[in-house]
Amino acid sequence: QHILEAILIERQERIDFSIFEDKKAILLGSGLGLNEISQVMILDILKNINKPIVIDGDALTILSQHSELFNQSKSWILTPHDGEFKRLCPDYQYEHRVTQAKQFAKEHHCILVLKGPGTLVTDGNVIYENTTGNPAMASAGMGDALAGLIVGYIGQGYALLDACLMGVYIHGLCGDWLAEKQYAILASELVQIIPKCMKSLYAKKSIS
């Protein structure tokens, strides 16, 4: 057995970037750590790989120190919670989250998934507020599960914004299902019911 929510020892080896050549999308930063090797790897990927990249966790921390890397030719999705977004956008104020999220995405040529109650998804032109999810989901690894869903949809060929909207909605819906019967939810529990949740949604769509 293993515990998916466990925080592991930081990676100590370098990655061969050729492993990304045939990949459709990359998830960068979840549980990676902030040691020197991880920082070099994160920066190398952000500077040199021109594929859709979902930037989460520790990669957001590194990016907040290197805002010069933002480029309109890149296909980046950022998935910060409020604390991480505050590092990316020092002037951030929660009461202005809708306006500031949209402005940030537009100025930095990215898609922003600002996590929290009523998670926001914006590409700088349009903005959506998610209606699923609940406080029982505030546990370790939950954001990693969301980032994994998003990158999985990109890998299946969905447009970047659509992948974010689907990932956020289904992630929250799974949490709502589980919260009907329990007070707190582990990320590993949520991941296990994603296929069932998706099947239910597709079944409703085919009936309608």
N, C-alpha and C. Protein backbone atom coordinates (compact mmCIF):
# COMPACT_ATOMS: atom_id res chain seq x y z
N GLN A 1 0.82 -1.19 0.00
CA GLN A 1 0.00 0.00 0.00
C GLN A 1 0.86 1.25 0.00
N HIS A 2 0.30 2.33 -0.52
CA HIS A 2 0.98 3.61 -0.44
C HIS A 2 -0.06 4.70 -0.24
N ILE A 3 0.38 5.84 0.29
CA ILE A 3 -0.52 6.94 0.62
C ILE A 3 -0.30 8.06 -0.38
N LEU A 4 -1.30 8.31 -1.20
CA LEU A 4 -1.15 9.30 -2.27
C LEU A 4 -0.96 10.70 -1.71
N GLU A 5 -1.52 10.98 -0.53
CA GLU A 5 -1.43 12.33 0.03
C GLU A 5 -0.10 12.61 0.72
N ALA A 6 0.76 11.59 0.87
CA ALA A 6 2.02 11.78 1.58
C ALA A 6 2.90 12.79 0.86
N ILE A 7 3.59 13.63 1.63
CA ILE A 7 4.56 14.57 1.07
C ILE A 7 5.91 13.87 1.03
N LEU A 8 6.48 13.73 -0.15
CA LEU A 8 7.66 12.90 -0.35
C LEU A 8 8.95 13.71 -0.29
N ILE A 9 10.06 13.00 -0.24
CA ILE A 9 11.38 13.63 -0.28
C ILE A 9 11.58 14.27 -1.65
N GLU A 10 12.21 15.42 -1.70
CA GLU A 10 12.40 16.14 -2.95
C GLU A 10 13.25 15.34 -3.94
N ARG A 11 12.89 15.46 -5.20
CA ARG A 11 13.62 14.77 -6.27
C ARG A 11 15.08 15.25 -6.33
N GLN A 12 15.99 14.30 -6.54
CA GLN A 12 17.41 14.65 -6.55
C GLN A 12 18.07 14.44 -7.91
N GLU A 13 17.37 13.83 -8.86
CA GLU A 13 18.00 13.57 -10.15
C GLU A 13 17.46 14.51 -11.22
N ARG A 14 18.24 14.70 -12.27
CA ARG A 14 17.81 15.53 -13.39
C ARG A 14 16.94 14.71 -14.32
N ILE A 15 16.08 15.39 -15.06
CA ILE A 15 15.17 14.72 -15.98
C ILE A 15 15.68 14.89 -17.40
N ASP A 16 15.59 13.83 -18.18
CA ASP A 16 15.93 13.87 -19.60
C ASP A 16 14.75 14.50 -20.35
N PHE A 17 14.95 15.69 -20.92
CA PHE A 17 13.85 16.41 -21.54
C PHE A 17 13.32 15.73 -22.81
N SER A 18 14.02 14.76 -23.32
CA SER A 18 13.53 14.06 -24.50
C SER A 18 12.25 13.27 -24.19
N ILE A 19 11.99 13.03 -22.91
CA ILE A 19 10.77 12.28 -22.57
C ILE A 19 9.51 13.08 -22.89
N PHE A 20 9.64 14.37 -23.12
CA PHE A 20 8.47 15.21 -23.41
C PHE A 20 8.16 15.30 -24.89
N GLU A 21 9.02 14.77 -25.75
CA GLU A 21 8.88 15.00 -27.18
C GLU A 21 7.55 14.52 -27.75
N ASP A 22 7.05 13.40 -27.30
CA ASP A 22 5.80 12.86 -27.85
C ASP A 22 4.60 13.12 -26.95
N LYS A 23 4.75 14.02 -25.98
CA LYS A 23 3.67 14.30 -25.04
C LYS A 23 2.84 15.47 -25.53
N LYS A 24 1.54 15.42 -25.27
CA LYS A 24 0.64 16.49 -25.69
C LYS A 24 0.55 17.61 -24.66
N ALA A 25 0.84 17.31 -23.41
CA ALA A 25 0.74 18.32 -22.36
C ALA A 25 1.61 17.89 -21.19
N ILE A 26 1.94 18.85 -20.34
CA ILE A 26 2.82 18.61 -19.19
C ILE A 26 2.17 19.20 -17.95
N LEU A 27 2.22 18.47 -16.85
CA LEU A 27 1.84 19.00 -15.54
C LEU A 27 3.13 19.23 -14.76
N LEU A 28 3.35 20.45 -14.31
CA LEU A 28 4.62 20.82 -13.71
C LEU A 28 4.42 21.43 -12.33
N GLY A 29 5.09 20.85 -11.34
CA GLY A 29 5.17 21.48 -10.03
C GLY A 29 4.52 20.76 -8.88
N SER A 30 3.57 19.89 -9.12
CA SER A 30 2.85 19.25 -8.02
C SER A 30 3.78 18.36 -7.21
N GLY A 31 4.04 18.74 -5.95
CA GLY A 31 4.87 17.95 -5.06
C GLY A 31 6.32 17.87 -5.45
N LEU A 32 6.78 18.76 -6.30
CA LEU A 32 8.13 18.66 -6.85
C LEU A 32 9.21 19.12 -5.87
N GLY A 33 8.89 20.08 -5.03
CA GLY A 33 9.89 20.60 -4.10
C GLY A 33 10.61 21.82 -4.66
N LEU A 34 11.36 22.48 -3.80
CA LEU A 34 12.03 23.72 -4.19
C LEU A 34 13.54 23.64 -4.01
N ASN A 35 14.10 22.43 -4.05
CA ASN A 35 15.56 22.36 -3.98
C ASN A 35 16.18 22.88 -5.28
N GLU A 36 17.47 23.01 -5.32
CA GLU A 36 18.13 23.64 -6.47
C GLU A 36 17.89 22.88 -7.76
N ILE A 37 17.95 21.56 -7.70
CA ILE A 37 17.74 20.75 -8.90
C ILE A 37 16.33 20.95 -9.44
N SER A 38 15.34 20.96 -8.54
CA SER A 38 13.96 21.16 -8.98
C SER A 38 13.77 22.53 -9.61
N GLN A 39 14.39 23.54 -9.02
CA GLN A 39 14.26 24.89 -9.57
C GLN A 39 14.87 24.99 -10.96
N VAL A 40 16.03 24.40 -11.16
CA VAL A 40 16.66 24.41 -12.48
C VAL A 40 15.80 23.69 -13.50
N MET A 41 15.23 22.54 -13.10
CA MET A 41 14.40 21.78 -14.01
C MET A 41 13.14 22.55 -14.39
N ILE A 42 12.49 23.16 -13.40
CA ILE A 42 11.28 23.93 -13.67
C ILE A 42 11.57 25.06 -14.65
N LEU A 43 12.64 25.79 -14.41
CA LEU A 43 12.99 26.91 -15.29
C LEU A 43 13.35 26.43 -16.69
N ASP A 44 14.07 25.32 -16.79
CA ASP A 44 14.42 24.77 -18.10
C ASP A 44 13.17 24.42 -18.90
N ILE A 45 12.20 23.80 -18.24
CA ILE A 45 10.97 23.42 -18.93
C ILE A 45 10.19 24.65 -19.36
N LEU A 46 10.06 25.62 -18.47
CA LEU A 46 9.29 26.82 -18.80
C LEU A 46 9.95 27.62 -19.91
N LYS A 47 11.27 27.62 -19.96
CA LYS A 47 11.98 28.40 -20.97
C LYS A 47 12.00 27.70 -22.33
N ASN A 48 12.07 26.38 -22.34
CA ASN A 48 12.44 25.68 -23.57
C ASN A 48 11.37 24.78 -24.18
N ILE A 49 10.33 24.45 -23.45
CA ILE A 49 9.34 23.53 -23.99
C ILE A 49 8.08 24.29 -24.39
N ASN A 50 7.73 24.20 -25.64
CA ASN A 50 6.57 24.93 -26.17
C ASN A 50 5.40 23.98 -26.38
N LYS A 51 4.89 23.48 -25.27
CA LYS A 51 3.70 22.63 -25.25
C LYS A 51 2.77 23.17 -24.18
N PRO A 52 1.50 22.77 -24.19
CA PRO A 52 0.63 23.16 -23.08
C PRO A 52 1.21 22.67 -21.76
N ILE A 53 1.33 23.58 -20.80
CA ILE A 53 1.87 23.23 -19.49
C ILE A 53 0.89 23.69 -18.42
N VAL A 54 0.47 22.77 -17.57
CA VAL A 54 -0.32 23.10 -16.40
C VAL A 54 0.66 23.35 -15.26
N ILE A 55 0.68 24.58 -14.77
CA ILE A 55 1.67 25.00 -13.79
C ILE A 55 1.01 25.07 -12.41
N ASP A 56 1.49 24.22 -11.50
CA ASP A 56 0.84 24.05 -10.20
C ASP A 56 1.90 24.07 -9.10
N GLY A 57 1.46 24.20 -7.87
CA GLY A 57 2.32 24.00 -6.71
C GLY A 57 3.64 24.76 -6.74
N ASP A 58 4.72 24.02 -6.58
CA ASP A 58 6.05 24.61 -6.48
C ASP A 58 6.47 25.34 -7.76
N ALA A 59 5.97 24.91 -8.90
CA ALA A 59 6.29 25.61 -10.15
C ALA A 59 5.70 27.02 -10.16
N LEU A 60 4.57 27.21 -9.49
CA LEU A 60 3.99 28.55 -9.37
C LEU A 60 4.88 29.45 -8.53
N THR A 61 5.47 28.88 -7.48
CA THR A 61 6.37 29.65 -6.64
C THR A 61 7.59 30.11 -7.44
N ILE A 62 8.15 29.21 -8.24
CA ILE A 62 9.31 29.57 -9.06
C ILE A 62 8.91 30.61 -10.10
N LEU A 63 7.77 30.42 -10.74
CA LEU A 63 7.33 31.36 -11.77
C LEU A 63 7.11 32.75 -11.19
N SER A 64 6.64 32.82 -9.95
CA SER A 64 6.39 34.13 -9.34
C SER A 64 7.68 34.94 -9.19
N GLN A 65 8.82 34.26 -9.23
CA GLN A 65 10.12 34.93 -9.13
C GLN A 65 10.72 35.21 -10.50
N HIS A 66 10.04 34.76 -11.56
CA HIS A 66 10.56 34.92 -12.92
C HIS A 66 9.43 35.31 -13.86
N SER A 67 8.77 36.42 -13.58
CA SER A 67 7.63 36.84 -14.40
C SER A 67 8.03 37.17 -15.83
N GLU A 68 9.34 37.36 -16.07
CA GLU A 68 9.80 37.65 -17.42
C GLU A 68 9.58 36.46 -18.37
N LEU A 69 9.27 35.30 -17.82
CA LEU A 69 9.10 34.11 -18.64
C LEU A 69 7.73 34.06 -19.33
N PHE A 70 6.78 34.86 -18.85
CA PHE A 70 5.48 34.87 -19.50
C PHE A 70 5.63 35.33 -20.95
N ASN A 71 4.95 34.62 -21.85
CA ASN A 71 5.12 34.88 -23.28
C ASN A 71 3.84 34.50 -23.99
N GLN A 72 3.36 35.36 -24.88
CA GLN A 72 2.10 35.09 -25.55
C GLN A 72 2.16 33.89 -26.48
N SER A 73 3.36 33.42 -26.79
CA SER A 73 3.47 32.24 -27.65
C SER A 73 3.37 30.94 -26.86
N LYS A 74 3.34 31.03 -25.52
CA LYS A 74 3.26 29.85 -24.68
C LYS A 74 1.80 29.48 -24.42
N SER A 75 1.57 28.21 -24.13
CA SER A 75 0.23 27.73 -23.78
C SER A 75 0.26 27.26 -22.33
N TRP A 76 0.11 28.20 -21.43
CA TRP A 76 0.23 27.90 -20.01
C TRP A 76 -1.11 28.02 -19.30
N ILE A 77 -1.33 27.10 -18.37
CA ILE A 77 -2.47 27.14 -17.46
C ILE A 77 -1.93 27.21 -16.05
N LEU A 78 -2.28 28.25 -15.31
CA LEU A 78 -1.83 28.42 -13.94
C LEU A 78 -2.96 28.05 -12.99
N THR A 79 -2.66 27.27 -11.95
CA THR A 79 -3.71 26.79 -11.05
C THR A 79 -3.42 27.17 -9.59
N PRO A 80 -3.30 28.45 -9.27
CA PRO A 80 -2.98 28.85 -7.90
C PRO A 80 -4.20 28.92 -6.99
N HIS A 81 -3.97 28.70 -5.69
CA HIS A 81 -4.96 29.12 -4.70
C HIS A 81 -4.66 30.58 -4.36
N ASP A 82 -5.41 31.17 -3.46
CA ASP A 82 -5.27 32.60 -3.18
C ASP A 82 -3.86 32.98 -2.74
N GLY A 83 -3.24 32.16 -1.89
CA GLY A 83 -1.90 32.48 -1.40
C GLY A 83 -0.87 32.47 -2.52
N GLU A 84 -0.98 31.49 -3.41
CA GLU A 84 -0.05 31.41 -4.54
C GLU A 84 -0.30 32.55 -5.52
N PHE A 85 -1.56 32.91 -5.70
CA PHE A 85 -1.86 34.00 -6.62
C PHE A 85 -1.35 35.33 -6.08
N LYS A 86 -1.35 35.47 -4.76
CA LYS A 86 -0.83 36.69 -4.14
C LYS A 86 0.65 36.87 -4.46
N ARG A 87 1.40 35.77 -4.59
CA ARG A 87 2.81 35.86 -4.95
C ARG A 87 2.96 36.23 -6.42
N LEU A 88 2.06 35.76 -7.25
CA LEU A 88 2.10 36.10 -8.67
C LEU A 88 1.60 37.51 -8.93
N CYS A 89 0.65 37.94 -8.12
CA CYS A 89 0.01 39.25 -8.29
C CYS A 89 -0.02 39.94 -6.92
N PRO A 90 1.06 40.62 -6.55
CA PRO A 90 1.19 41.19 -5.20
C PRO A 90 0.06 42.13 -4.80
N ASP A 91 -0.60 42.75 -5.76
CA ASP A 91 -1.69 43.68 -5.45
C ASP A 91 -3.04 42.98 -5.27
N TYR A 92 -3.03 41.65 -5.31
CA TYR A 92 -4.28 40.89 -5.27
C TYR A 92 -5.06 41.15 -4.00
N GLN A 93 -6.37 41.40 -4.17
CA GLN A 93 -7.31 41.53 -3.06
C GLN A 93 -8.52 40.66 -3.36
N TYR A 94 -8.90 39.85 -2.38
CA TYR A 94 -9.96 38.86 -2.61
C TYR A 94 -11.25 39.51 -3.10
N GLU A 95 -11.58 40.66 -2.56
CA GLU A 95 -12.85 41.30 -2.95
C GLU A 95 -12.85 41.75 -4.41
N HIS A 96 -11.68 41.78 -5.02
CA HIS A 96 -11.59 42.14 -6.45
C HIS A 96 -11.10 40.96 -7.29
N ARG A 97 -11.33 39.76 -6.80
CA ARG A 97 -10.74 38.57 -7.43
C ARG A 97 -11.18 38.38 -8.88
N VAL A 98 -12.43 38.67 -9.19
CA VAL A 98 -12.92 38.48 -10.56
C VAL A 98 -12.19 39.41 -11.52
N THR A 99 -12.15 40.69 -11.18
CA THR A 99 -11.50 41.68 -12.04
C THR A 99 -10.02 41.41 -12.17
N GLN A 100 -9.35 41.12 -11.04
CA GLN A 100 -7.90 40.93 -11.06
C GLN A 100 -7.51 39.63 -11.74
N ALA A 101 -8.31 38.58 -11.58
CA ALA A 101 -8.02 37.32 -12.25
C ALA A 101 -8.06 37.49 -13.77
N LYS A 102 -9.12 38.13 -14.24
CA LYS A 102 -9.28 38.34 -15.68
C LYS A 102 -8.17 39.22 -16.23
N GLN A 103 -7.83 40.27 -15.49
CA GLN A 103 -6.77 41.17 -15.93
C GLN A 103 -5.42 40.47 -15.97
N PHE A 104 -5.14 39.65 -14.96
CA PHE A 104 -3.87 38.93 -14.91
C PHE A 104 -3.73 37.99 -16.11
N ALA A 105 -4.78 37.23 -16.38
CA ALA A 105 -4.73 36.29 -17.50
C ALA A 105 -4.52 37.01 -18.82
N LYS A 106 -5.16 38.15 -18.98
CA LYS A 106 -5.02 38.90 -20.22
C LYS A 106 -3.62 39.46 -20.37
N GLU A 107 -3.07 40.04 -19.30
CA GLU A 107 -1.75 40.66 -19.36
C GLU A 107 -0.64 39.63 -19.54
N HIS A 108 -0.84 38.43 -19.01
CA HIS A 108 0.23 37.42 -19.02
C HIS A 108 -0.01 36.31 -20.04
N HIS A 109 -1.04 36.46 -20.87
CA HIS A 109 -1.28 35.53 -21.99
C HIS A 109 -1.37 34.08 -21.51
N CYS A 110 -2.17 33.86 -20.48
CA CYS A 110 -2.31 32.51 -19.93
C CYS A 110 -3.77 32.25 -19.59
N ILE A 111 -4.05 31.02 -19.21
CA ILE A 111 -5.34 30.70 -18.62
C ILE A 111 -5.12 30.56 -17.12
N LEU A 112 -5.96 31.21 -16.36
CA LEU A 112 -5.84 31.19 -14.90
C LEU A 112 -7.01 30.42 -14.29
N VAL A 113 -6.66 29.46 -13.45
CA VAL A 113 -7.65 28.74 -12.65
C VAL A 113 -7.38 29.14 -11.20
N LEU A 114 -8.15 30.09 -10.70
CA LEU A 114 -7.94 30.61 -9.35
C LEU A 114 -8.82 29.81 -8.40
N LYS A 115 -8.19 28.90 -7.65
CA LYS A 115 -8.90 27.93 -6.84
C LYS A 115 -9.44 28.56 -5.56
N GLY A 116 -10.54 27.99 -5.09
CA GLY A 116 -11.17 28.45 -3.86
C GLY A 116 -12.67 28.31 -3.97
N PRO A 117 -13.43 28.83 -2.99
CA PRO A 117 -14.89 28.83 -3.11
C PRO A 117 -15.31 29.57 -4.38
N GLY A 118 -15.99 28.89 -5.27
CA GLY A 118 -16.33 29.50 -6.55
C GLY A 118 -15.10 29.70 -7.41
N THR A 119 -14.36 28.62 -7.65
CA THR A 119 -13.14 28.68 -8.46
C THR A 119 -13.39 29.43 -9.76
N LEU A 120 -12.46 30.33 -10.09
CA LEU A 120 -12.57 31.12 -11.31
C LEU A 120 -11.70 30.54 -12.41
N VAL A 121 -12.21 30.55 -13.63
CA VAL A 121 -11.45 30.13 -14.80
C VAL A 121 -11.55 31.24 -15.84
N THR A 122 -10.40 31.76 -16.27
CA THR A 122 -10.42 32.85 -17.25
C THR A 122 -9.23 32.78 -18.18
N ASP A 123 -9.47 33.18 -19.42
CA ASP A 123 -8.37 33.32 -20.39
C ASP A 123 -8.07 34.79 -20.65
N GLY A 124 -8.66 35.66 -19.85
CA GLY A 124 -8.46 37.09 -20.02
C GLY A 124 -9.54 37.75 -20.86
N ASN A 125 -10.30 36.95 -21.59
CA ASN A 125 -11.39 37.47 -22.41
C ASN A 125 -12.75 37.15 -21.80
N VAL A 126 -12.90 35.92 -21.35
CA VAL A 126 -14.12 35.50 -20.66
C VAL A 126 -13.71 34.95 -19.29
N ILE A 127 -14.66 34.93 -18.37
CA ILE A 127 -14.38 34.40 -17.04
C ILE A 127 -15.59 33.60 -16.57
N TYR A 128 -15.32 32.47 -15.92
CA TYR A 128 -16.36 31.59 -15.42
C TYR A 128 -16.14 31.35 -13.93
N GLU A 129 -17.24 31.24 -13.19
CA GLU A 129 -17.18 30.88 -11.78
C GLU A 129 -17.82 29.52 -11.58
N ASN A 130 -17.08 28.59 -11.01
CA ASN A 130 -17.56 27.23 -10.84
C ASN A 130 -18.58 27.15 -9.71
N THR A 131 -19.55 26.25 -9.89
CA THR A 131 -20.63 26.12 -8.90
C THR A 131 -20.55 24.84 -8.10
N THR A 132 -19.57 23.98 -8.38
CA THR A 132 -19.43 22.74 -7.62
C THR A 132 -18.28 22.87 -6.62
N GLY A 133 -18.24 21.94 -5.68
CA GLY A 133 -17.17 21.95 -4.68
C GLY A 133 -17.67 22.40 -3.32
N ASN A 134 -16.90 22.09 -2.27
CA ASN A 134 -17.35 22.38 -0.90
C ASN A 134 -16.15 22.37 0.05
N PRO A 135 -16.32 22.86 1.29
CA PRO A 135 -15.21 22.95 2.24
C PRO A 135 -14.60 21.62 2.64
N ALA A 136 -15.32 20.53 2.48
CA ALA A 136 -14.79 19.22 2.84
C ALA A 136 -13.60 18.83 1.97
N MET A 137 -13.41 19.54 0.87
CA MET A 137 -12.33 19.23 -0.06
C MET A 137 -11.01 19.91 0.30
N ALA A 138 -10.99 20.65 1.39
CA ALA A 138 -9.77 21.37 1.78
C ALA A 138 -8.79 20.41 2.45
N SER A 139 -8.14 19.58 1.65
CA SER A 139 -7.20 18.60 2.19
C SER A 139 -6.00 18.46 1.25
N ALA A 140 -4.93 17.89 1.76
CA ALA A 140 -3.69 17.76 1.00
C ALA A 140 -3.89 16.96 -0.28
N GLY A 141 -3.34 17.45 -1.37
CA GLY A 141 -3.39 16.73 -2.63
C GLY A 141 -4.60 17.02 -3.49
N MET A 142 -5.56 17.79 -2.95
CA MET A 142 -6.78 18.04 -3.72
C MET A 142 -6.49 18.88 -4.96
N GLY A 143 -5.60 19.87 -4.81
CA GLY A 143 -5.23 20.67 -5.98
C GLY A 143 -4.46 19.87 -7.01
N ASP A 144 -3.67 18.90 -6.56
CA ASP A 144 -2.95 18.02 -7.49
C ASP A 144 -3.94 17.20 -8.31
N ALA A 145 -5.00 16.74 -7.65
CA ALA A 145 -6.02 15.97 -8.37
C ALA A 145 -6.68 16.81 -9.45
N LEU A 146 -6.95 18.07 -9.14
CA LEU A 146 -7.54 18.97 -10.14
C LEU A 146 -6.58 19.21 -11.30
N ALA A 147 -5.33 19.48 -10.99
CA ALA A 147 -4.35 19.71 -12.05
C ALA A 147 -4.22 18.48 -12.95
N GLY A 148 -4.28 17.31 -12.34
CA GLY A 148 -4.21 16.07 -13.12
C GLY A 148 -5.40 15.90 -14.04
N LEU A 149 -6.58 16.26 -13.56
CA LEU A 149 -7.77 16.20 -14.40
C LEU A 149 -7.62 17.12 -15.61
N ILE A 150 -7.17 18.33 -15.36
CA ILE A 150 -7.04 19.31 -16.45
C ILE A 150 -6.06 18.84 -17.50
N VAL A 151 -4.87 18.40 -17.07
CA VAL A 151 -3.87 17.97 -18.04
C VAL A 151 -4.34 16.71 -18.77
N GLY A 152 -5.13 15.87 -18.09
CA GLY A 152 -5.67 14.69 -18.75
C GLY A 152 -6.62 15.04 -19.88
N TYR A 153 -7.45 16.05 -19.66
CA TYR A 153 -8.36 16.48 -20.71
C TYR A 153 -7.60 17.12 -21.88
N ILE A 154 -6.56 17.88 -21.57
CA ILE A 154 -5.75 18.43 -22.66
C ILE A 154 -5.14 17.31 -23.49
N GLY A 155 -4.65 16.30 -22.80
CA GLY A 155 -4.06 15.16 -23.50
C GLY A 155 -5.04 14.43 -24.39
N GLN A 156 -6.33 14.52 -24.06
CA GLN A 156 -7.36 13.89 -24.89
C GLN A 156 -7.75 14.76 -26.09
N GLY A 157 -7.19 15.97 -26.15
CA GLY A 157 -7.44 16.81 -27.31
C GLY A 157 -8.41 17.95 -27.11
N TYR A 158 -8.89 18.14 -25.89
CA TYR A 158 -9.80 19.25 -25.64
C TYR A 158 -9.05 20.58 -25.69
N ALA A 159 -9.73 21.64 -26.09
CA ALA A 159 -9.17 22.98 -26.06
C ALA A 159 -8.80 23.33 -24.63
N LEU A 160 -7.79 24.18 -24.45
CA LEU A 160 -7.27 24.44 -23.12
C LEU A 160 -8.34 24.98 -22.17
N LEU A 161 -9.12 25.95 -22.61
CA LEU A 161 -10.14 26.52 -21.74
C LEU A 161 -11.21 25.49 -21.40
N ASP A 162 -11.62 24.71 -22.38
CA ASP A 162 -12.62 23.66 -22.14
C ASP A 162 -12.09 22.62 -21.15
N ALA A 163 -10.82 22.27 -21.29
CA ALA A 163 -10.22 21.30 -20.37
C ALA A 163 -10.27 21.81 -18.94
N CYS A 164 -10.01 23.09 -18.76
CA CYS A 164 -10.05 23.69 -17.42
C CYS A 164 -11.47 23.68 -16.86
N LEU A 165 -12.42 24.08 -17.68
CA LEU A 165 -13.81 24.13 -17.21
C LEU A 165 -14.33 22.75 -16.85
N MET A 166 -14.03 21.77 -17.67
CA MET A 166 -14.47 20.41 -17.38
C MET A 166 -13.79 19.87 -16.13
N GLY A 167 -12.48 20.09 -16.04
CA GLY A 167 -11.74 19.59 -14.89
C GLY A 167 -12.24 20.18 -13.58
N VAL A 168 -12.43 21.49 -13.55
CA VAL A 168 -12.88 22.18 -12.34
C VAL A 168 -14.28 21.70 -11.94
N TYR A 169 -15.16 21.60 -12.92
CA TYR A 169 -16.54 21.21 -12.61
C TYR A 169 -16.61 19.77 -12.08
N ILE A 170 -15.97 18.86 -12.77
CA ILE A 170 -16.04 17.45 -12.36
C ILE A 170 -15.32 17.23 -11.04
N HIS A 171 -14.20 17.90 -10.84
CA HIS A 171 -13.47 17.83 -9.58
C HIS A 171 -14.39 18.23 -8.43
N GLY A 172 -15.07 19.35 -8.57
CA GLY A 172 -15.98 19.80 -7.53
C GLY A 172 -17.18 18.90 -7.36
N LEU A 173 -17.70 18.38 -8.47
CA LEU A 173 -18.87 17.51 -8.41
C LEU A 173 -18.55 16.22 -7.65
N CYS A 174 -17.37 15.67 -7.90
CA CYS A 174 -16.95 14.48 -7.15
C CYS A 174 -16.90 14.79 -5.66
N GLY A 175 -16.38 15.98 -5.32
CA GLY A 175 -16.35 16.38 -3.93
C GLY A 175 -17.74 16.52 -3.32
N ASP A 176 -18.68 17.03 -4.11
CA ASP A 176 -20.05 17.18 -3.62
C ASP A 176 -20.69 15.82 -3.38
N TRP A 177 -20.45 14.87 -4.25
CA TRP A 177 -20.97 13.52 -4.05
C TRP A 177 -20.48 12.95 -2.73
N LEU A 178 -19.17 13.05 -2.50
CA LEU A 178 -18.59 12.46 -1.30
C LEU A 178 -19.03 13.20 -0.03
N ALA A 179 -19.20 14.51 -0.14
CA ALA A 179 -19.57 15.31 1.03
C ALA A 179 -20.99 15.01 1.53
N GLU A 180 -21.79 14.35 0.71
CA GLU A 180 -23.13 13.97 1.16
C GLU A 180 -23.08 12.94 2.28
N LYS A 181 -21.96 12.20 2.37
CA LYS A 181 -21.89 11.10 3.34
C LYS A 181 -20.73 11.23 4.32
N GLN A 182 -19.83 12.20 4.12
CA GLN A 182 -18.69 12.32 5.03
C GLN A 182 -18.28 13.77 5.21
N TYR A 183 -17.64 14.04 6.36
CA TYR A 183 -17.31 15.42 6.74
C TYR A 183 -16.08 15.94 6.02
N ALA A 184 -15.08 15.08 5.84
CA ALA A 184 -13.84 15.46 5.17
C ALA A 184 -13.53 14.46 4.07
N ILE A 185 -12.82 14.94 3.05
CA ILE A 185 -12.55 14.12 1.86
C ILE A 185 -11.05 14.08 1.59
N LEU A 186 -10.53 12.88 1.33
CA LEU A 186 -9.14 12.75 0.90
C LEU A 186 -9.06 12.80 -0.62
N ALA A 187 -7.95 13.30 -1.12
CA ALA A 187 -7.78 13.37 -2.57
C ALA A 187 -7.87 11.98 -3.20
N SER A 188 -7.33 10.98 -2.53
CA SER A 188 -7.37 9.63 -3.09
C SER A 188 -8.80 9.11 -3.19
N GLU A 189 -9.66 9.51 -2.28
CA GLU A 189 -11.07 9.11 -2.35
C GLU A 189 -11.74 9.78 -3.53
N LEU A 190 -11.44 11.05 -3.74
CA LEU A 190 -12.03 11.77 -4.85
C LEU A 190 -11.60 11.17 -6.19
N VAL A 191 -10.32 10.88 -6.32
CA VAL A 191 -9.79 10.34 -7.58
C VAL A 191 -10.50 9.04 -7.95
N GLN A 192 -10.83 8.24 -6.95
CA GLN A 192 -11.44 6.94 -7.22
C GLN A 192 -12.82 7.03 -7.84
N ILE A 193 -13.53 8.13 -7.61
CA ILE A 193 -14.90 8.21 -8.14
C ILE A 193 -15.00 9.08 -9.39
N ILE A 194 -13.87 9.59 -9.88
CA ILE A 194 -13.92 10.40 -11.10
C ILE A 194 -14.55 9.64 -12.26
N PRO A 195 -14.16 8.39 -12.55
CA PRO A 195 -14.79 7.68 -13.68
C PRO A 195 -16.30 7.53 -13.52
N LYS A 196 -16.75 7.25 -12.29
CA LYS A 196 -18.19 7.10 -12.04
C LYS A 196 -18.91 8.42 -12.28
N CYS A 197 -18.31 9.50 -11.83
CA CYS A 197 -18.91 10.83 -12.00
C CYS A 197 -19.01 11.19 -13.48
N MET A 198 -17.92 10.96 -14.21
CA MET A 198 -17.92 11.26 -15.64
C MET A 198 -18.95 10.42 -16.38
N LYS A 199 -19.06 9.14 -16.03
CA LYS A 199 -20.04 8.25 -16.65
C LYS A 199 -21.46 8.77 -16.43
N SER A 200 -21.72 9.24 -15.22
CA SER A 200 -23.05 9.78 -14.90
C SER A 200 -23.36 11.00 -15.75
N LEU A 201 -22.39 11.90 -15.91
CA LEU A 201 -22.61 13.10 -16.70
C LEU A 201 -22.86 12.77 -18.17
N TYR A 202 -22.07 11.86 -18.71
CA TYR A 202 -22.22 11.49 -20.12
C TYR A 202 -23.53 10.77 -20.37
N ALA A 203 -23.99 10.01 -19.36
CA ALA A 203 -25.26 9.30 -19.48
C ALA A 203 -26.41 10.31 -19.55
N LYS A 204 -26.35 11.34 -18.70
CA LYS A 204 -27.38 12.38 -18.72
C LYS A 204 -27.39 13.13 -20.04
N LYS A 205 -26.21 13.37 -20.58
CA LYS A 205 -26.09 14.09 -21.85
C LYS A 205 -26.71 13.29 -22.98
N SER A 206 -26.49 11.97 -22.99
CA SER A 206 -27.01 11.14 -24.07
C SER A 206 -28.53 11.03 -23.98
N ILE A 207 -29.08 11.05 -22.75
CA ILE A 207 -30.52 10.98 -22.58
C ILE A 207 -31.18 12.26 -23.06
N SER A 208 -30.57 13.41 -22.72
CA SER A 208 -31.15 14.69 -23.11
C SER A 208 -31.02 14.93 -24.61
